[in-house]
PDB file of N, CA and C in Angstrom:
ATOM      1  N   UNK A   1     -11.015  -3.221  -1.116  1.00  0.00           N
ATOM      2  CA  UNK A   1     -11.608  -2.689   0.077  1.00  0.00           C
ATOM      3  C   UNK A   1     -13.125  -2.693  -0.093  1.00  0.00           C
ATOM      4  N   UNK A   2     -13.815  -3.233   0.888  1.00  0.00           N
ATOM      5  CA  UNK A   2     -15.265  -3.300   0.861  1.00  0.00           C
ATOM      6  C   UNK A   2     -15.851  -1.995   1.369  1.00  0.00           C
ATOM      7  N   UNK A   3     -16.812  -1.450   0.628  1.00  0.00           N
ATOM      8  CA  UNK A   3     -17.430  -0.192   1.026  1.00  0.00           C
ATOM      9  C   UNK A   3     -18.501  -0.464   2.081  1.00  0.00           C
ATOM     10  N   UNK A   4     -18.504   0.302   3.184  1.00  0.00           N
ATOM     11  CA  UNK A   4     -19.537   0.092   4.203  1.00  0.00           C
ATOM     12  C   UNK A   4     -20.903   0.509   3.660  1.00  0.00           C
ATOM     13  N   UNK A   5     -21.990  -0.002   4.249  1.00  0.00           N
ATOM     14  CA  UNK A   5     -23.316   0.318   3.740  1.00  0.00           C
ATOM     15  C   UNK A   5     -23.670   1.798   3.862  1.00  0.00           C
ATOM     16  N   UNK A   6     -23.213   2.468   4.901  1.00  0.00           N
ATOM     17  CA  UNK A   6     -23.439   3.903   5.045  1.00  0.00           C
ATOM     18  C   UNK A   6     -22.362   4.471   5.961  1.00  0.00           C
ATOM     19  N   UNK A   7     -22.134   5.767   5.842  1.00  0.00           N
ATOM     20  CA  UNK A   7     -21.186   6.427   6.725  1.00  0.00           C
ATOM     21  C   UNK A   7     -21.929   6.873   7.970  1.00  0.00           C
ATOM     22  N   UNK A   8     -21.360   6.621   9.119  1.00  0.00           N
ATOM     23  CA  UNK A   8     -21.965   7.016  10.380  1.00  0.00           C
ATOM     24  C   UNK A   8     -21.057   7.970  11.131  1.00  0.00           C
ATOM     25  N   UNK A   9     -21.504   8.360  12.279  1.00  0.00           N
ATOM     26  CA  UNK A   9     -20.731   9.265  13.127  1.00  0.00           C
ATOM     27  C   UNK A   9     -19.697   8.483  13.933  1.00  0.00           C
ATOM     28  N   UNK A  10     -18.779   9.206  14.554  1.00  0.00           N
ATOM     29  CA  UNK A  10     -17.789   8.555  15.402  1.00  0.00           C
ATOM     30  C   UNK A  10     -18.470   7.848  16.568  1.00  0.00           C
ATOM     31  N   UNK A  11     -19.538   8.425  17.083  1.00  0.00           N
ATOM     32  CA  UNK A  11     -20.281   7.794  18.195  1.00  0.00           C
ATOM     33  C   UNK A  11     -20.912   6.482  17.735  1.00  0.00           C
ATOM     34  N   UNK A  12     -21.482   6.455  16.534  1.00  0.00           N
ATOM     35  CA  UNK A  12     -22.076   5.222  16.011  1.00  0.00           C
ATOM     36  C   UNK A  12     -21.016   4.131  15.846  1.00  0.00           C
ATOM     37  N   UNK A  13     -19.839   4.515  15.394  1.00  0.00           N
ATOM     38  CA  UNK A  13     -18.751   3.538  15.241  1.00  0.00           C
ATOM     39  C   UNK A  13     -18.341   2.982  16.602  1.00  0.00           C
ATOM     40  N   UNK A  14     -18.222   3.861  17.581  1.00  0.00           N
ATOM     41  CA  UNK A  14     -17.842   3.430  18.928  1.00  0.00           C
ATOM     42  C   UNK A  14     -18.889   2.486  19.504  1.00  0.00           C
ATOM     43  N   UNK A  15     -20.166   2.836  19.389  1.00  0.00           N
ATOM     44  CA  UNK A  15     -21.244   1.988  19.897  1.00  0.00           C
ATOM     45  C   UNK A  15     -21.249   0.640  19.177  1.00  0.00           C
ATOM     46  N   UNK A  16     -21.046   0.655  17.860  1.00  0.00           N
ATOM     47  CA  UNK A  16     -21.016  -0.588  17.102  1.00  0.00           C
ATOM     48  C   UNK A  16     -19.916  -1.528  17.570  1.00  0.00           C
ATOM     49  N   UNK A  17     -18.777  -0.980  17.909  1.00  0.00           N
ATOM     50  CA  UNK A  17     -17.674  -1.806  18.417  1.00  0.00           C
ATOM     51  C   UNK A  17     -17.981  -2.271  19.836  1.00  0.00           C
ATOM     52  N   UNK A  18     -18.563  -1.400  20.648  1.00  0.00           N
ATOM     53  CA  UNK A  18     -18.920  -1.782  22.026  1.00  0.00           C
ATOM     54  C   UNK A  18     -19.963  -2.902  22.042  1.00  0.00           C
ATOM     55  N   UNK A  19     -20.844  -2.939  21.036  1.00  0.00           N
ATOM     56  CA  UNK A  19     -21.851  -4.000  20.962  1.00  0.00           C
ATOM     57  C   UNK A  19     -21.223  -5.380  20.772  1.00  0.00           C
ATOM     58  N   UNK A  20     -19.966  -5.403  20.381  1.00  0.00           N
ATOM     59  CA  UNK A  20     -19.241  -6.678  20.238  1.00  0.00           C
ATOM     60  C   UNK A  20     -18.590  -7.093  21.557  1.00  0.00           C
ATOM     61  N   UNK A  21     -18.888  -6.349  22.629  1.00  0.00           N
ATOM     62  CA  UNK A  21     -18.351  -6.690  23.949  1.00  0.00           C
ATOM     63  C   UNK A  21     -17.013  -6.045  24.258  1.00  0.00           C
ATOM     64  N   UNK A  22     -16.602  -5.095  23.450  1.00  0.00           N
ATOM     65  CA  UNK A  22     -15.322  -4.414  23.667  1.00  0.00           C
ATOM     66  C   UNK A  22     -15.550  -3.097  24.403  1.00  0.00           C
ATOM     67  N   UNK A  23     -14.552  -2.674  25.188  1.00  0.00           N
ATOM     68  CA  UNK A  23     -14.699  -1.473  25.997  1.00  0.00           C
ATOM     69  C   UNK A  23     -13.842  -0.338  25.452  1.00  0.00           C
ATOM     70  N   UNK A  24     -14.513   0.814  25.263  1.00  0.00           N
ATOM     71  CA  UNK A  24     -13.837   2.018  24.761  1.00  0.00           C
ATOM     72  C   UNK A  24     -12.777   2.461  25.766  1.00  0.00           C
ATOM     73  N   UNK A  25     -11.609   2.802  25.279  1.00  0.00           N
ATOM     74  CA  UNK A  25     -10.440   3.219  26.062  1.00  0.00           C
ATOM     75  C   UNK A  25      -9.849   2.097  26.910  1.00  0.00           C
ATOM     76  N   UNK A  26     -10.342   0.874  26.709  1.00  0.00           N
ATOM     77  CA  UNK A  26      -9.714  -0.286  27.334  1.00  0.00           C
ATOM     78  C   UNK A  26      -9.286  -1.281  26.262  1.00  0.00           C
ATOM     79  N   UNK A  27     -10.195  -1.605  25.339  1.00  0.00           N
ATOM     80  CA  UNK A  27      -9.903  -2.521  24.243  1.00  0.00           C
ATOM     81  C   UNK A  27      -9.621  -1.792  22.934  1.00  0.00           C
ATOM     82  N   UNK A  28     -10.126  -0.575  22.815  1.00  0.00           N
ATOM     83  CA  UNK A  28      -9.933   0.197  21.591  1.00  0.00           C
ATOM     84  C   UNK A  28     -10.144   1.679  21.889  1.00  0.00           C
ATOM     85  N   UNK A  29      -9.658   2.502  20.985  1.00  0.00           N
ATOM     86  CA  UNK A  29      -9.912   3.946  21.054  1.00  0.00           C
ATOM     87  C   UNK A  29      -9.974   4.462  19.627  1.00  0.00           C
ATOM     88  N   UNK A  30     -10.883   5.383  19.400  1.00  0.00           N
ATOM     89  CA  UNK A  30     -11.008   6.032  18.105  1.00  0.00           C
ATOM     90  C   UNK A  30     -10.865   7.531  18.323  1.00  0.00           C
ATOM     91  N   UNK A  31     -10.090   8.184  17.472  1.00  0.00           N
ATOM     92  CA  UNK A  31      -9.886   9.628  17.579  1.00  0.00           C
ATOM     93  C   UNK A  31     -10.190  10.235  16.223  1.00  0.00           C
ATOM     94  N   UNK A  32     -11.451  10.537  16.009  1.00  0.00           N
ATOM     95  CA  UNK A  32     -11.858  11.063  14.719  1.00  0.00           C
ATOM     96  C   UNK A  32     -11.558  12.552  14.619  1.00  0.00           C
ATOM     97  N   UNK A  33     -11.343  13.000  13.423  1.00  0.00           N
ATOM     98  CA  UNK A  33     -11.013  14.389  13.137  1.00  0.00           C
ATOM     99  C   UNK A  33     -12.316  15.134  12.888  1.00  0.00           C
ATOM    100  N   UNK A  34     -12.546  16.175  13.658  1.00  0.00           N
ATOM    101  CA  UNK A  34     -13.760  16.968  13.477  1.00  0.00           C
ATOM    102  C   UNK A  34     -13.502  18.126  12.535  1.00  0.00           C
ATOM    103  N   UNK A  35     -14.591  18.669  12.017  1.00  0.00           N
ATOM    104  CA  UNK A  35     -14.531  19.820  11.122  1.00  0.00           C
ATOM    105  C   UNK A  35     -13.759  20.954  11.801  1.00  0.00           C
ATOM    106  N   UNK A  36     -12.823  21.524  11.063  1.00  0.00           N
ATOM    107  CA  UNK A  36     -12.048  22.649  11.565  1.00  0.00           C
ATOM    108  C   UNK A  36     -10.823  22.276  12.376  1.00  0.00           C
ATOM    109  N   UNK A  37     -10.622  20.996  12.625  1.00  0.00           N
ATOM    110  CA  UNK A  37      -9.469  20.546  13.408  1.00  0.00           C
ATOM    111  C   UNK A  37      -8.261  20.416  12.479  1.00  0.00           C
ATOM    112  N   UNK A  38      -7.134  21.027  12.833  1.00  0.00           N
ATOM    113  CA  UNK A  38      -5.966  20.943  11.948  1.00  0.00           C
ATOM    114  C   UNK A  38      -5.381  19.532  11.898  1.00  0.00           C
ATOM    115  N   UNK A  39      -4.832  19.191  10.755  1.00  0.00           N
ATOM    116  CA  UNK A  39      -4.167  17.907  10.554  1.00  0.00           C
ATOM    117  C   UNK A  39      -2.688  18.196  10.346  1.00  0.00           C
ATOM    118  N   UNK A  40      -1.805  17.534  11.100  1.00  0.00           N
ATOM    119  CA  UNK A  40      -0.377  17.788  10.939  1.00  0.00           C
ATOM    120  C   UNK A  40       0.118  17.391   9.554  1.00  0.00           C
ATOM    121  N   UNK A  41       0.902  18.246   8.945  1.00  0.00           N
ATOM    122  CA  UNK A  41       1.399  17.984   7.592  1.00  0.00           C
ATOM    123  C   UNK A  41       2.605  17.046   7.593  1.00  0.00           C
ATOM    124  N   UNK A  42       3.413  17.082   8.608  1.00  0.00           N
ATOM    125  CA  UNK A  42       4.664  16.333   8.609  1.00  0.00           C
ATOM    126  C   UNK A  42       4.662  15.116   9.527  1.00  0.00           C
ATOM    127  N   UNK A  43       3.624  14.951  10.342  1.00  0.00           N
ATOM    128  CA  UNK A  43       3.580  13.824  11.280  1.00  0.00           C
ATOM    129  C   UNK A  43       2.397  12.926  10.945  1.00  0.00           C
ATOM    130  N   UNK A  44       2.431  11.722  11.496  1.00  0.00           N
ATOM    131  CA  UNK A  44       1.287  10.826  11.358  1.00  0.00           C
ATOM    132  C   UNK A  44       0.181  11.286  12.293  1.00  0.00           C
ATOM    133  N   UNK A  45      -1.049  11.093  11.893  1.00  0.00           N
ATOM    134  CA  UNK A  45      -2.198  11.453  12.712  1.00  0.00           C
ATOM    135  C   UNK A  45      -2.783  10.188  13.308  1.00  0.00           C
ATOM    136  N   UNK A  46      -2.893  10.146  14.627  1.00  0.00           N
ATOM    137  CA  UNK A  46      -3.476   9.016  15.325  1.00  0.00           C
ATOM    138  C   UNK A  46      -4.976   8.978  15.049  1.00  0.00           C
ATOM    139  N   UNK A  47      -5.483   7.852  14.543  1.00  0.00           N
ATOM    140  CA  UNK A  47      -6.915   7.707  14.276  1.00  0.00           C
ATOM    141  C   UNK A  47      -7.557   6.602  15.106  1.00  0.00           C
ATOM    142  N   UNK A  48      -6.786   5.597  15.483  1.00  0.00           N
ATOM    143  CA  UNK A  48      -7.375   4.519  16.251  1.00  0.00           C
ATOM    144  C   UNK A  48      -6.330   3.628  16.881  1.00  0.00           C
ATOM    145  N   UNK A  49      -6.754   2.935  17.913  1.00  0.00           N
ATOM    146  CA  UNK A  49      -5.886   2.013  18.643  1.00  0.00           C
ATOM    147  C   UNK A  49      -6.741   0.813  19.027  1.00  0.00           C
ATOM    148  N   UNK A  50      -6.217  -0.403  18.816  1.00  0.00           N
ATOM    149  CA  UNK A  50      -6.963  -1.624  19.095  1.00  0.00           C
ATOM    150  C   UNK A  50      -6.068  -2.626  19.808  1.00  0.00           C
ATOM    151  N   UNK A  51      -6.591  -3.251  20.868  1.00  0.00           N
ATOM    152  CA  UNK A  51      -5.849  -4.320  21.527  1.00  0.00           C
ATOM    153  C   UNK A  51      -5.897  -5.564  20.652  1.00  0.00           C
ATOM    154  N   UNK A  52      -5.137  -6.552  21.029  1.00  0.00           N
ATOM    155  CA  UNK A  52      -5.151  -7.821  20.301  1.00  0.00           C
ATOM    156  C   UNK A  52      -6.552  -8.428  20.325  1.00  0.00           C
ATOM    157  N   UNK A  53      -7.234  -8.329  21.473  1.00  0.00           N
ATOM    158  CA  UNK A  53      -8.612  -8.827  21.592  1.00  0.00           C
ATOM    159  C   UNK A  53      -9.533  -8.108  20.599  1.00  0.00           C
ATOM    160  N   UNK A  54      -9.409  -6.799  20.499  1.00  0.00           N
ATOM    161  CA  UNK A  54     -10.246  -6.024  19.576  1.00  0.00           C
ATOM    162  C   UNK A  54      -9.936  -6.380  18.126  1.00  0.00           C
ATOM    163  N   UNK A  55      -8.673  -6.646  17.833  1.00  0.00           N
ATOM    164  CA  UNK A  55      -8.285  -7.000  16.470  1.00  0.00           C
ATOM    165  C   UNK A  55      -8.901  -8.331  16.048  1.00  0.00           C
ATOM    166  N   UNK A  56      -9.166  -9.225  17.009  1.00  0.00           N
ATOM    167  CA  UNK A  56      -9.833 -10.495  16.683  1.00  0.00           C
ATOM    168  C   UNK A  56     -11.317 -10.287  16.404  1.00  0.00           C
ATOM    169  N   UNK A  57     -11.920  -9.279  17.022  1.00  0.00           N
ATOM    170  CA  UNK A  57     -13.353  -9.026  16.903  1.00  0.00           C
ATOM    171  C   UNK A  57     -13.734  -8.088  15.760  1.00  0.00           C
ATOM    172  N   UNK A  58     -12.877  -7.128  15.466  1.00  0.00           N
ATOM    173  CA  UNK A  58     -13.215  -6.072  14.512  1.00  0.00           C
ATOM    174  C   UNK A  58     -12.343  -6.224  13.272  1.00  0.00           C
ATOM    175  N   UNK A  59     -12.979  -6.514  12.154  1.00  0.00           N
ATOM    176  CA  UNK A  59     -12.222  -6.709  10.926  1.00  0.00           C
ATOM    177  C   UNK A  59     -11.961  -5.395  10.195  1.00  0.00           C
ATOM    178  N   UNK A  60     -12.972  -4.515  10.143  1.00  0.00           N
ATOM    179  CA  UNK A  60     -12.850  -3.268   9.387  1.00  0.00           C
ATOM    180  C   UNK A  60     -13.384  -2.082  10.188  1.00  0.00           C
ATOM    181  N   UNK A  61     -12.685  -0.976  10.110  1.00  0.00           N
ATOM    182  CA  UNK A  61     -13.170   0.319  10.606  1.00  0.00           C
ATOM    183  C   UNK A  61     -12.776   1.321   9.524  1.00  0.00           C
ATOM    184  N   UNK A  62     -13.768   1.769   8.769  1.00  0.00           N
ATOM    185  CA  UNK A  62     -13.507   2.694   7.673  1.00  0.00           C
ATOM    186  C   UNK A  62     -13.670   4.130   8.153  1.00  0.00           C
ATOM    187  N   UNK A  63     -12.723   4.958   7.773  1.00  0.00           N
ATOM    188  CA  UNK A  63     -12.754   6.382   8.111  1.00  0.00           C
ATOM    189  C   UNK A  63     -12.616   7.163   6.811  1.00  0.00           C
ATOM    190  N   UNK A  64     -13.486   8.143   6.638  1.00  0.00           N
ATOM    191  CA  UNK A  64     -13.388   9.012   5.464  1.00  0.00           C
ATOM    192  C   UNK A  64     -12.839  10.358   5.940  1.00  0.00           C
ATOM    193  N   UNK A  65     -11.761  10.786   5.296  1.00  0.00           N
ATOM    194  CA  UNK A  65     -11.147  12.069   5.629  1.00  0.00           C
ATOM    195  C   UNK A  65     -11.233  12.969   4.402  1.00  0.00           C
ATOM    196  N   UNK A  66     -11.871  14.122   4.560  1.00  0.00           N
ATOM    197  CA  UNK A  66     -11.969  15.110   3.484  1.00  0.00           C
ATOM    198  C   UNK A  66     -11.341  16.395   3.994  1.00  0.00           C
ATOM    199  N   UNK A  67     -10.354  16.889   3.240  1.00  0.00           N
ATOM    200  CA  UNK A  67      -9.591  18.065   3.654  1.00  0.00           C
ATOM    201  C   UNK A  67      -9.615  19.096   2.542  1.00  0.00           C
ATOM    202  N   UNK A  68      -9.795  20.339   2.925  1.00  0.00           N
ATOM    203  CA  UNK A  68      -9.651  21.448   1.985  1.00  0.00           C
ATOM    204  C   UNK A  68      -8.361  22.158   2.359  1.00  0.00           C
ATOM    205  N   UNK A  69      -7.411  22.179   1.432  1.00  0.00           N
ATOM    206  CA  UNK A  69      -6.111  22.768   1.747  1.00  0.00           C
ATOM    207  C   UNK A  69      -6.151  24.293   1.647  1.00  0.00           C
ATOM    208  N   UNK A  70      -5.014  24.916   1.903  1.00  0.00           N
ATOM    209  CA  UNK A  70      -4.937  26.387   1.964  1.00  0.00           C
ATOM    210  C   UNK A  70      -5.292  27.091   0.667  1.00  0.00           C
ATOM    211  N   UNK A  71      -5.134  26.389  -0.458  1.00  0.00           N
ATOM    212  CA  UNK A  71      -5.463  27.019  -1.742  1.00  0.00           C
ATOM    213  C   UNK A  71      -6.870  26.657  -2.216  1.00  0.00           C
ATOM    214  N   UNK A  72      -7.605  25.911  -1.395  1.00  0.00           N
ATOM    215  CA  UNK A  72      -8.989  25.596  -1.713  1.00  0.00           C
ATOM    216  C   UNK A  72      -9.222  24.271  -2.408  1.00  0.00           C
ATOM    217  N   UNK A  73      -8.169  23.480  -2.640  1.00  0.00           N
ATOM    218  CA  UNK A  73      -8.331  22.157  -3.259  1.00  0.00           C
ATOM    219  C   UNK A  73      -8.869  21.167  -2.228  1.00  0.00           C
ATOM    220  N   UNK A  74      -9.777  20.300  -2.661  1.00  0.00           N
ATOM    221  CA  UNK A  74     -10.356  19.286  -1.776  1.00  0.00           C
ATOM    222  C   UNK A  74      -9.672  17.949  -2.021  1.00  0.00           C
ATOM    223  N   UNK A  75      -9.291  17.291  -0.941  1.00  0.00           N
ATOM    224  CA  UNK A  75      -8.651  15.977  -0.991  1.00  0.00           C
ATOM    225  C   UNK A  75      -9.466  15.048  -0.098  1.00  0.00           C
ATOM    226  N   UNK A  76      -9.749  13.827  -0.582  1.00  0.00           N
ATOM    227  CA  UNK A  76     -10.541  12.887   0.204  1.00  0.00           C
ATOM    228  C   UNK A  76      -9.900  11.511   0.147  1.00  0.00           C
ATOM    229  N   UNK A  77      -9.861  10.843   1.297  1.00  0.00           N
ATOM    230  CA  UNK A  77      -9.322   9.483   1.391  1.00  0.00           C
ATOM    231  C   UNK A  77     -10.249   8.659   2.254  1.00  0.00           C
ATOM    232  N   UNK A  78     -10.406   7.400   1.900  1.00  0.00           N
ATOM    233  CA  UNK A  78     -11.117   6.429   2.723  1.00  0.00           C
ATOM    234  C   UNK A  78     -10.068   5.453   3.235  1.00  0.00           C
ATOM    235  N   UNK A  79     -10.017   5.302   4.534  1.00  0.00           N
ATOM    236  CA  UNK A  79      -8.967   4.510   5.177  1.00  0.00           C
ATOM    237  C   UNK A  79      -9.621   3.391   5.984  1.00  0.00           C
ATOM    238  N   UNK A  80      -9.117   2.177   5.833  1.00  0.00           N
ATOM    239  CA  UNK A  80      -9.529   1.061   6.671  1.00  0.00           C
ATOM    240  C   UNK A  80      -8.478   0.937   7.762  1.00  0.00           C
ATOM    241  N   UNK A  81      -8.821   1.356   8.982  1.00  0.00           N
ATOM    242  CA  UNK A  81      -7.820   1.444  10.046  1.00  0.00           C
ATOM    243  C   UNK A  81      -7.044   0.151  10.290  1.00  0.00           C
ATOM    244  N   UNK A  82      -7.698  -1.006  10.431  1.00  0.00           N
ATOM    245  CA  UNK A  82      -6.904  -2.210  10.723  1.00  0.00           C
ATOM    246  C   UNK A  82      -6.304  -2.909   9.506  1.00  0.00           C
ATOM    247  N   UNK A  83      -6.395  -2.328   8.322  1.00  0.00           N
ATOM    248  CA  UNK A  83      -5.848  -2.981   7.128  1.00  0.00           C
ATOM    249  C   UNK A  83      -4.346  -3.221   7.306  1.00  0.00           C
ATOM    250  N   UNK A  84      -3.942  -4.432   7.016  1.00  0.00           N
ATOM    251  CA  UNK A  84      -2.534  -4.863   7.123  1.00  0.00           C
ATOM    252  C   UNK A  84      -1.976  -4.732   8.535  1.00  0.00           C
ATOM    253  N   UNK A  85      -2.843  -4.660   9.531  1.00  0.00           N
ATOM    254  CA  UNK A  85      -2.369  -4.555  10.918  1.00  0.00           C
ATOM    255  C   UNK A  85      -1.834  -5.896  11.380  1.00  0.00           C
ATOM    256  N   UNK A  86      -0.893  -5.850  12.290  1.00  0.00           N
ATOM    257  CA  UNK A  86      -0.392  -7.058  12.928  1.00  0.00           C
ATOM    258  C   UNK A  86      -1.431  -7.478  13.952  1.00  0.00           C
ATOM    259  N   UNK A  87      -2.113  -8.595  13.713  1.00  0.00           N
ATOM    260  CA  UNK A  87      -3.206  -9.031  14.575  1.00  0.00           C
ATOM    261  C   UNK A  87      -2.724  -9.616  15.897  1.00  0.00           C
ATOM    262  N   UNK A  88      -1.498 -10.047  15.968  1.00  0.00           N
ATOM    263  CA  UNK A  88      -0.922 -10.573  17.213  1.00  0.00           C
ATOM    264  C   UNK A  88       0.457  -9.961  17.405  1.00  0.00           C
ATOM    265  N   UNK A  89       0.535  -8.702  17.871  1.00  0.00           N
ATOM    266  CA  UNK A  89       1.831  -8.035  17.994  1.00  0.00           C
ATOM    267  C   UNK A  89       2.697  -8.657  19.090  1.00  0.00           C
ATOM    268  N   UNK A  90       3.989  -8.640  18.883  1.00  0.00           N
ATOM    269  CA  UNK A  90       4.923  -9.157  19.890  1.00  0.00           C
ATOM    270  C   UNK A  90       5.019  -8.227  21.088  1.00  0.00           C
ATOM    271  N   UNK A  91       4.981  -6.928  20.846  1.00  0.00           N
ATOM    272  CA  UNK A  91       5.110  -5.928  21.910  1.00  0.00           C
ATOM    273  C   UNK A  91       4.006  -4.878  21.749  1.00  0.00           C
ATOM    274  N   UNK A  92       2.776  -5.183  22.191  1.00  0.00           N
ATOM    275  CA  UNK A  92       1.698  -4.216  22.030  1.00  0.00           C
ATOM    276  C   UNK A  92       1.926  -2.978  22.885  1.00  0.00           C
ATOM    277  N   UNK A  93       1.448  -1.865  22.395  1.00  0.00           N
ATOM    278  CA  UNK A  93       1.544  -0.606  23.132  1.00  0.00           C
ATOM    279  C   UNK A  93       0.579  -0.624  24.310  1.00  0.00           C
ATOM    280  N   UNK A  94       0.827   0.227  25.262  1.00  0.00           N
ATOM    281  CA  UNK A  94      -0.085   0.391  26.385  1.00  0.00           C
ATOM    282  C   UNK A  94      -1.349   1.101  25.923  1.00  0.00           C
ATOM    283  N   UNK A  95      -2.483   0.855  26.596  1.00  0.00           N
ATOM    284  CA  UNK A  95      -3.723   1.555  26.210  1.00  0.00           C
ATOM    285  C   UNK A  95      -3.578   3.056  26.313  1.00  0.00           C
ATOM    286  N   UNK A  96      -4.287   3.783  25.453  1.00  0.00           N
ATOM    287  CA  UNK A  96      -4.222   5.253  25.511  1.00  0.00           C
ATOM    288  C   UNK A  96      -4.870   5.768  26.780  1.00  0.00           C
ATOM    289  N   UNK A  97      -4.398   6.883  27.256  1.00  0.00           N
ATOM    290  CA  UNK A  97      -4.976   7.440  28.492  1.00  0.00           C
ATOM    291  C   UNK A  97      -6.105   8.390  28.180  1.00  0.00           C
TER     292      UNK A  97
END
Protein backbone atom coordinates (compact mmCIF):
# COMPACT_ATOMS: atom_id res chain seq x y z
CA UNK A 1 0.00 0.00 0.00
CA UNK A 2 1.38 3.38 -1.02
CA UNK A 3 1.33 6.03 1.69
CA UNK A 4 -0.28 9.34 0.62
CA UNK A 5 1.90 12.46 0.85
CA UNK A 6 -0.23 13.96 3.64
CA UNK A 7 -3.51 13.32 5.40
CA UNK A 8 -6.26 15.76 4.49
CA UNK A 9 -9.81 16.42 5.54
CA UNK A 10 -12.88 14.72 4.12
CA UNK A 11 -13.65 17.94 2.23
CA UNK A 12 -10.18 17.95 0.64
CA UNK A 13 -10.67 14.34 -0.47
CA UNK A 14 -14.07 15.16 -1.97
CA UNK A 15 -12.70 18.22 -3.81
CA UNK A 16 -9.73 16.19 -5.09
CA UNK A 17 -12.07 13.60 -6.58
CA UNK A 18 -14.37 16.29 -8.01
CA UNK A 19 -11.34 17.86 -9.76
CA UNK A 20 -11.20 14.66 -11.84
CA UNK A 21 -14.64 15.54 -13.26
CA UNK A 22 -16.64 13.30 -10.93
CA UNK A 23 -19.77 14.47 -9.10
CA UNK A 24 -20.31 13.96 -5.37
CA UNK A 25 -23.44 11.87 -4.63
CA UNK A 26 -23.70 11.01 -8.32
CA UNK A 27 -20.40 9.29 -9.18
CA UNK A 28 -19.11 8.76 -5.65
CA UNK A 29 -19.89 9.35 -1.99
CA UNK A 30 -17.63 9.47 1.03
CA UNK A 31 -18.91 9.08 4.59
CA UNK A 32 -16.08 9.84 6.94
CA UNK A 33 -16.28 9.16 10.65
CA UNK A 34 -16.02 12.28 12.78
CA UNK A 35 -14.64 12.55 16.29
CA UNK A 36 -17.14 11.24 18.82
CA UNK A 37 -19.23 9.34 16.28
CA UNK A 38 -19.92 5.75 17.36
CA UNK A 39 -18.72 2.88 15.18
CA UNK A 40 -20.88 -0.26 15.08
CA UNK A 41 -19.12 -3.24 16.64
CA UNK A 42 -21.04 -6.00 14.86
CA UNK A 43 -21.86 -4.44 11.46
CA UNK A 44 -19.82 -3.10 8.58
CA UNK A 45 -19.38 0.67 8.48
CA UNK A 46 -20.08 2.38 5.17
CA UNK A 47 -17.11 4.60 4.23
CA UNK A 48 -17.46 5.15 0.51
CA UNK A 49 -19.33 4.35 -2.66
CA UNK A 50 -18.00 4.66 -6.23
CA UNK A 51 -19.65 4.16 -9.61
CA UNK A 52 -17.89 2.22 -12.33
CA UNK A 53 -16.89 5.56 -13.90
CA UNK A 54 -15.35 6.72 -10.60
CA UNK A 55 -13.51 3.42 -10.21
CA UNK A 56 -11.79 4.06 -13.57
CA UNK A 57 -10.69 7.55 -12.45
CA UNK A 58 -9.77 7.04 -8.80
CA UNK A 59 -7.17 4.44 -7.95
CA UNK A 60 -6.71 5.08 -4.21
CA UNK A 61 -8.68 6.71 -1.40
CA UNK A 62 -6.90 6.24 1.92
CA UNK A 63 -8.81 6.62 5.17
CA UNK A 64 -7.20 6.59 8.60
CA UNK A 65 -9.42 5.42 11.44
CA UNK A 66 -8.25 5.87 15.04
CA UNK A 67 -10.51 4.55 17.79
CA UNK A 68 -10.21 4.63 21.55
CA UNK A 69 -12.20 1.76 23.00
CA UNK A 70 -14.11 1.66 26.30
CA UNK A 71 -11.06 0.61 28.30
CA UNK A 72 -8.88 3.36 26.83
CA UNK A 73 -6.86 1.32 24.30
CA UNK A 74 -6.14 3.08 20.99
CA UNK A 75 -6.56 1.20 17.71
CA UNK A 76 -5.60 2.67 14.33
CA UNK A 77 -6.08 1.37 10.78
CA UNK A 78 -5.29 2.82 7.38
CA UNK A 79 -7.72 1.61 4.75
CA UNK A 80 -7.55 1.98 0.97
CA UNK A 81 -11.25 2.08 0.08
CA UNK A 82 -11.08 0.76 -3.51
CA UNK A 83 -8.46 -1.93 -2.77
CA UNK A 84 -9.50 -5.23 -4.37
CA UNK A 85 -12.75 -3.62 -5.55
CA UNK A 86 -14.55 -5.01 -8.56
CA UNK A 87 -13.85 -2.28 -11.13
CA UNK A 88 -16.62 -3.44 -13.48
CA UNK A 89 -19.43 -4.90 -11.34
CA UNK A 90 -22.14 -7.00 -12.98
CA UNK A 91 -24.89 -5.53 -10.79
CA UNK A 92 -23.84 -2.13 -9.40
CA UNK A 93 -25.81 -0.69 -6.51
CA UNK A 94 -27.94 2.39 -6.93
CA UNK A 95 -26.36 5.73 -5.94
CA UNK A 96 -26.73 6.70 -2.29
CA UNK A 97 -29.46 9.17 -1.47
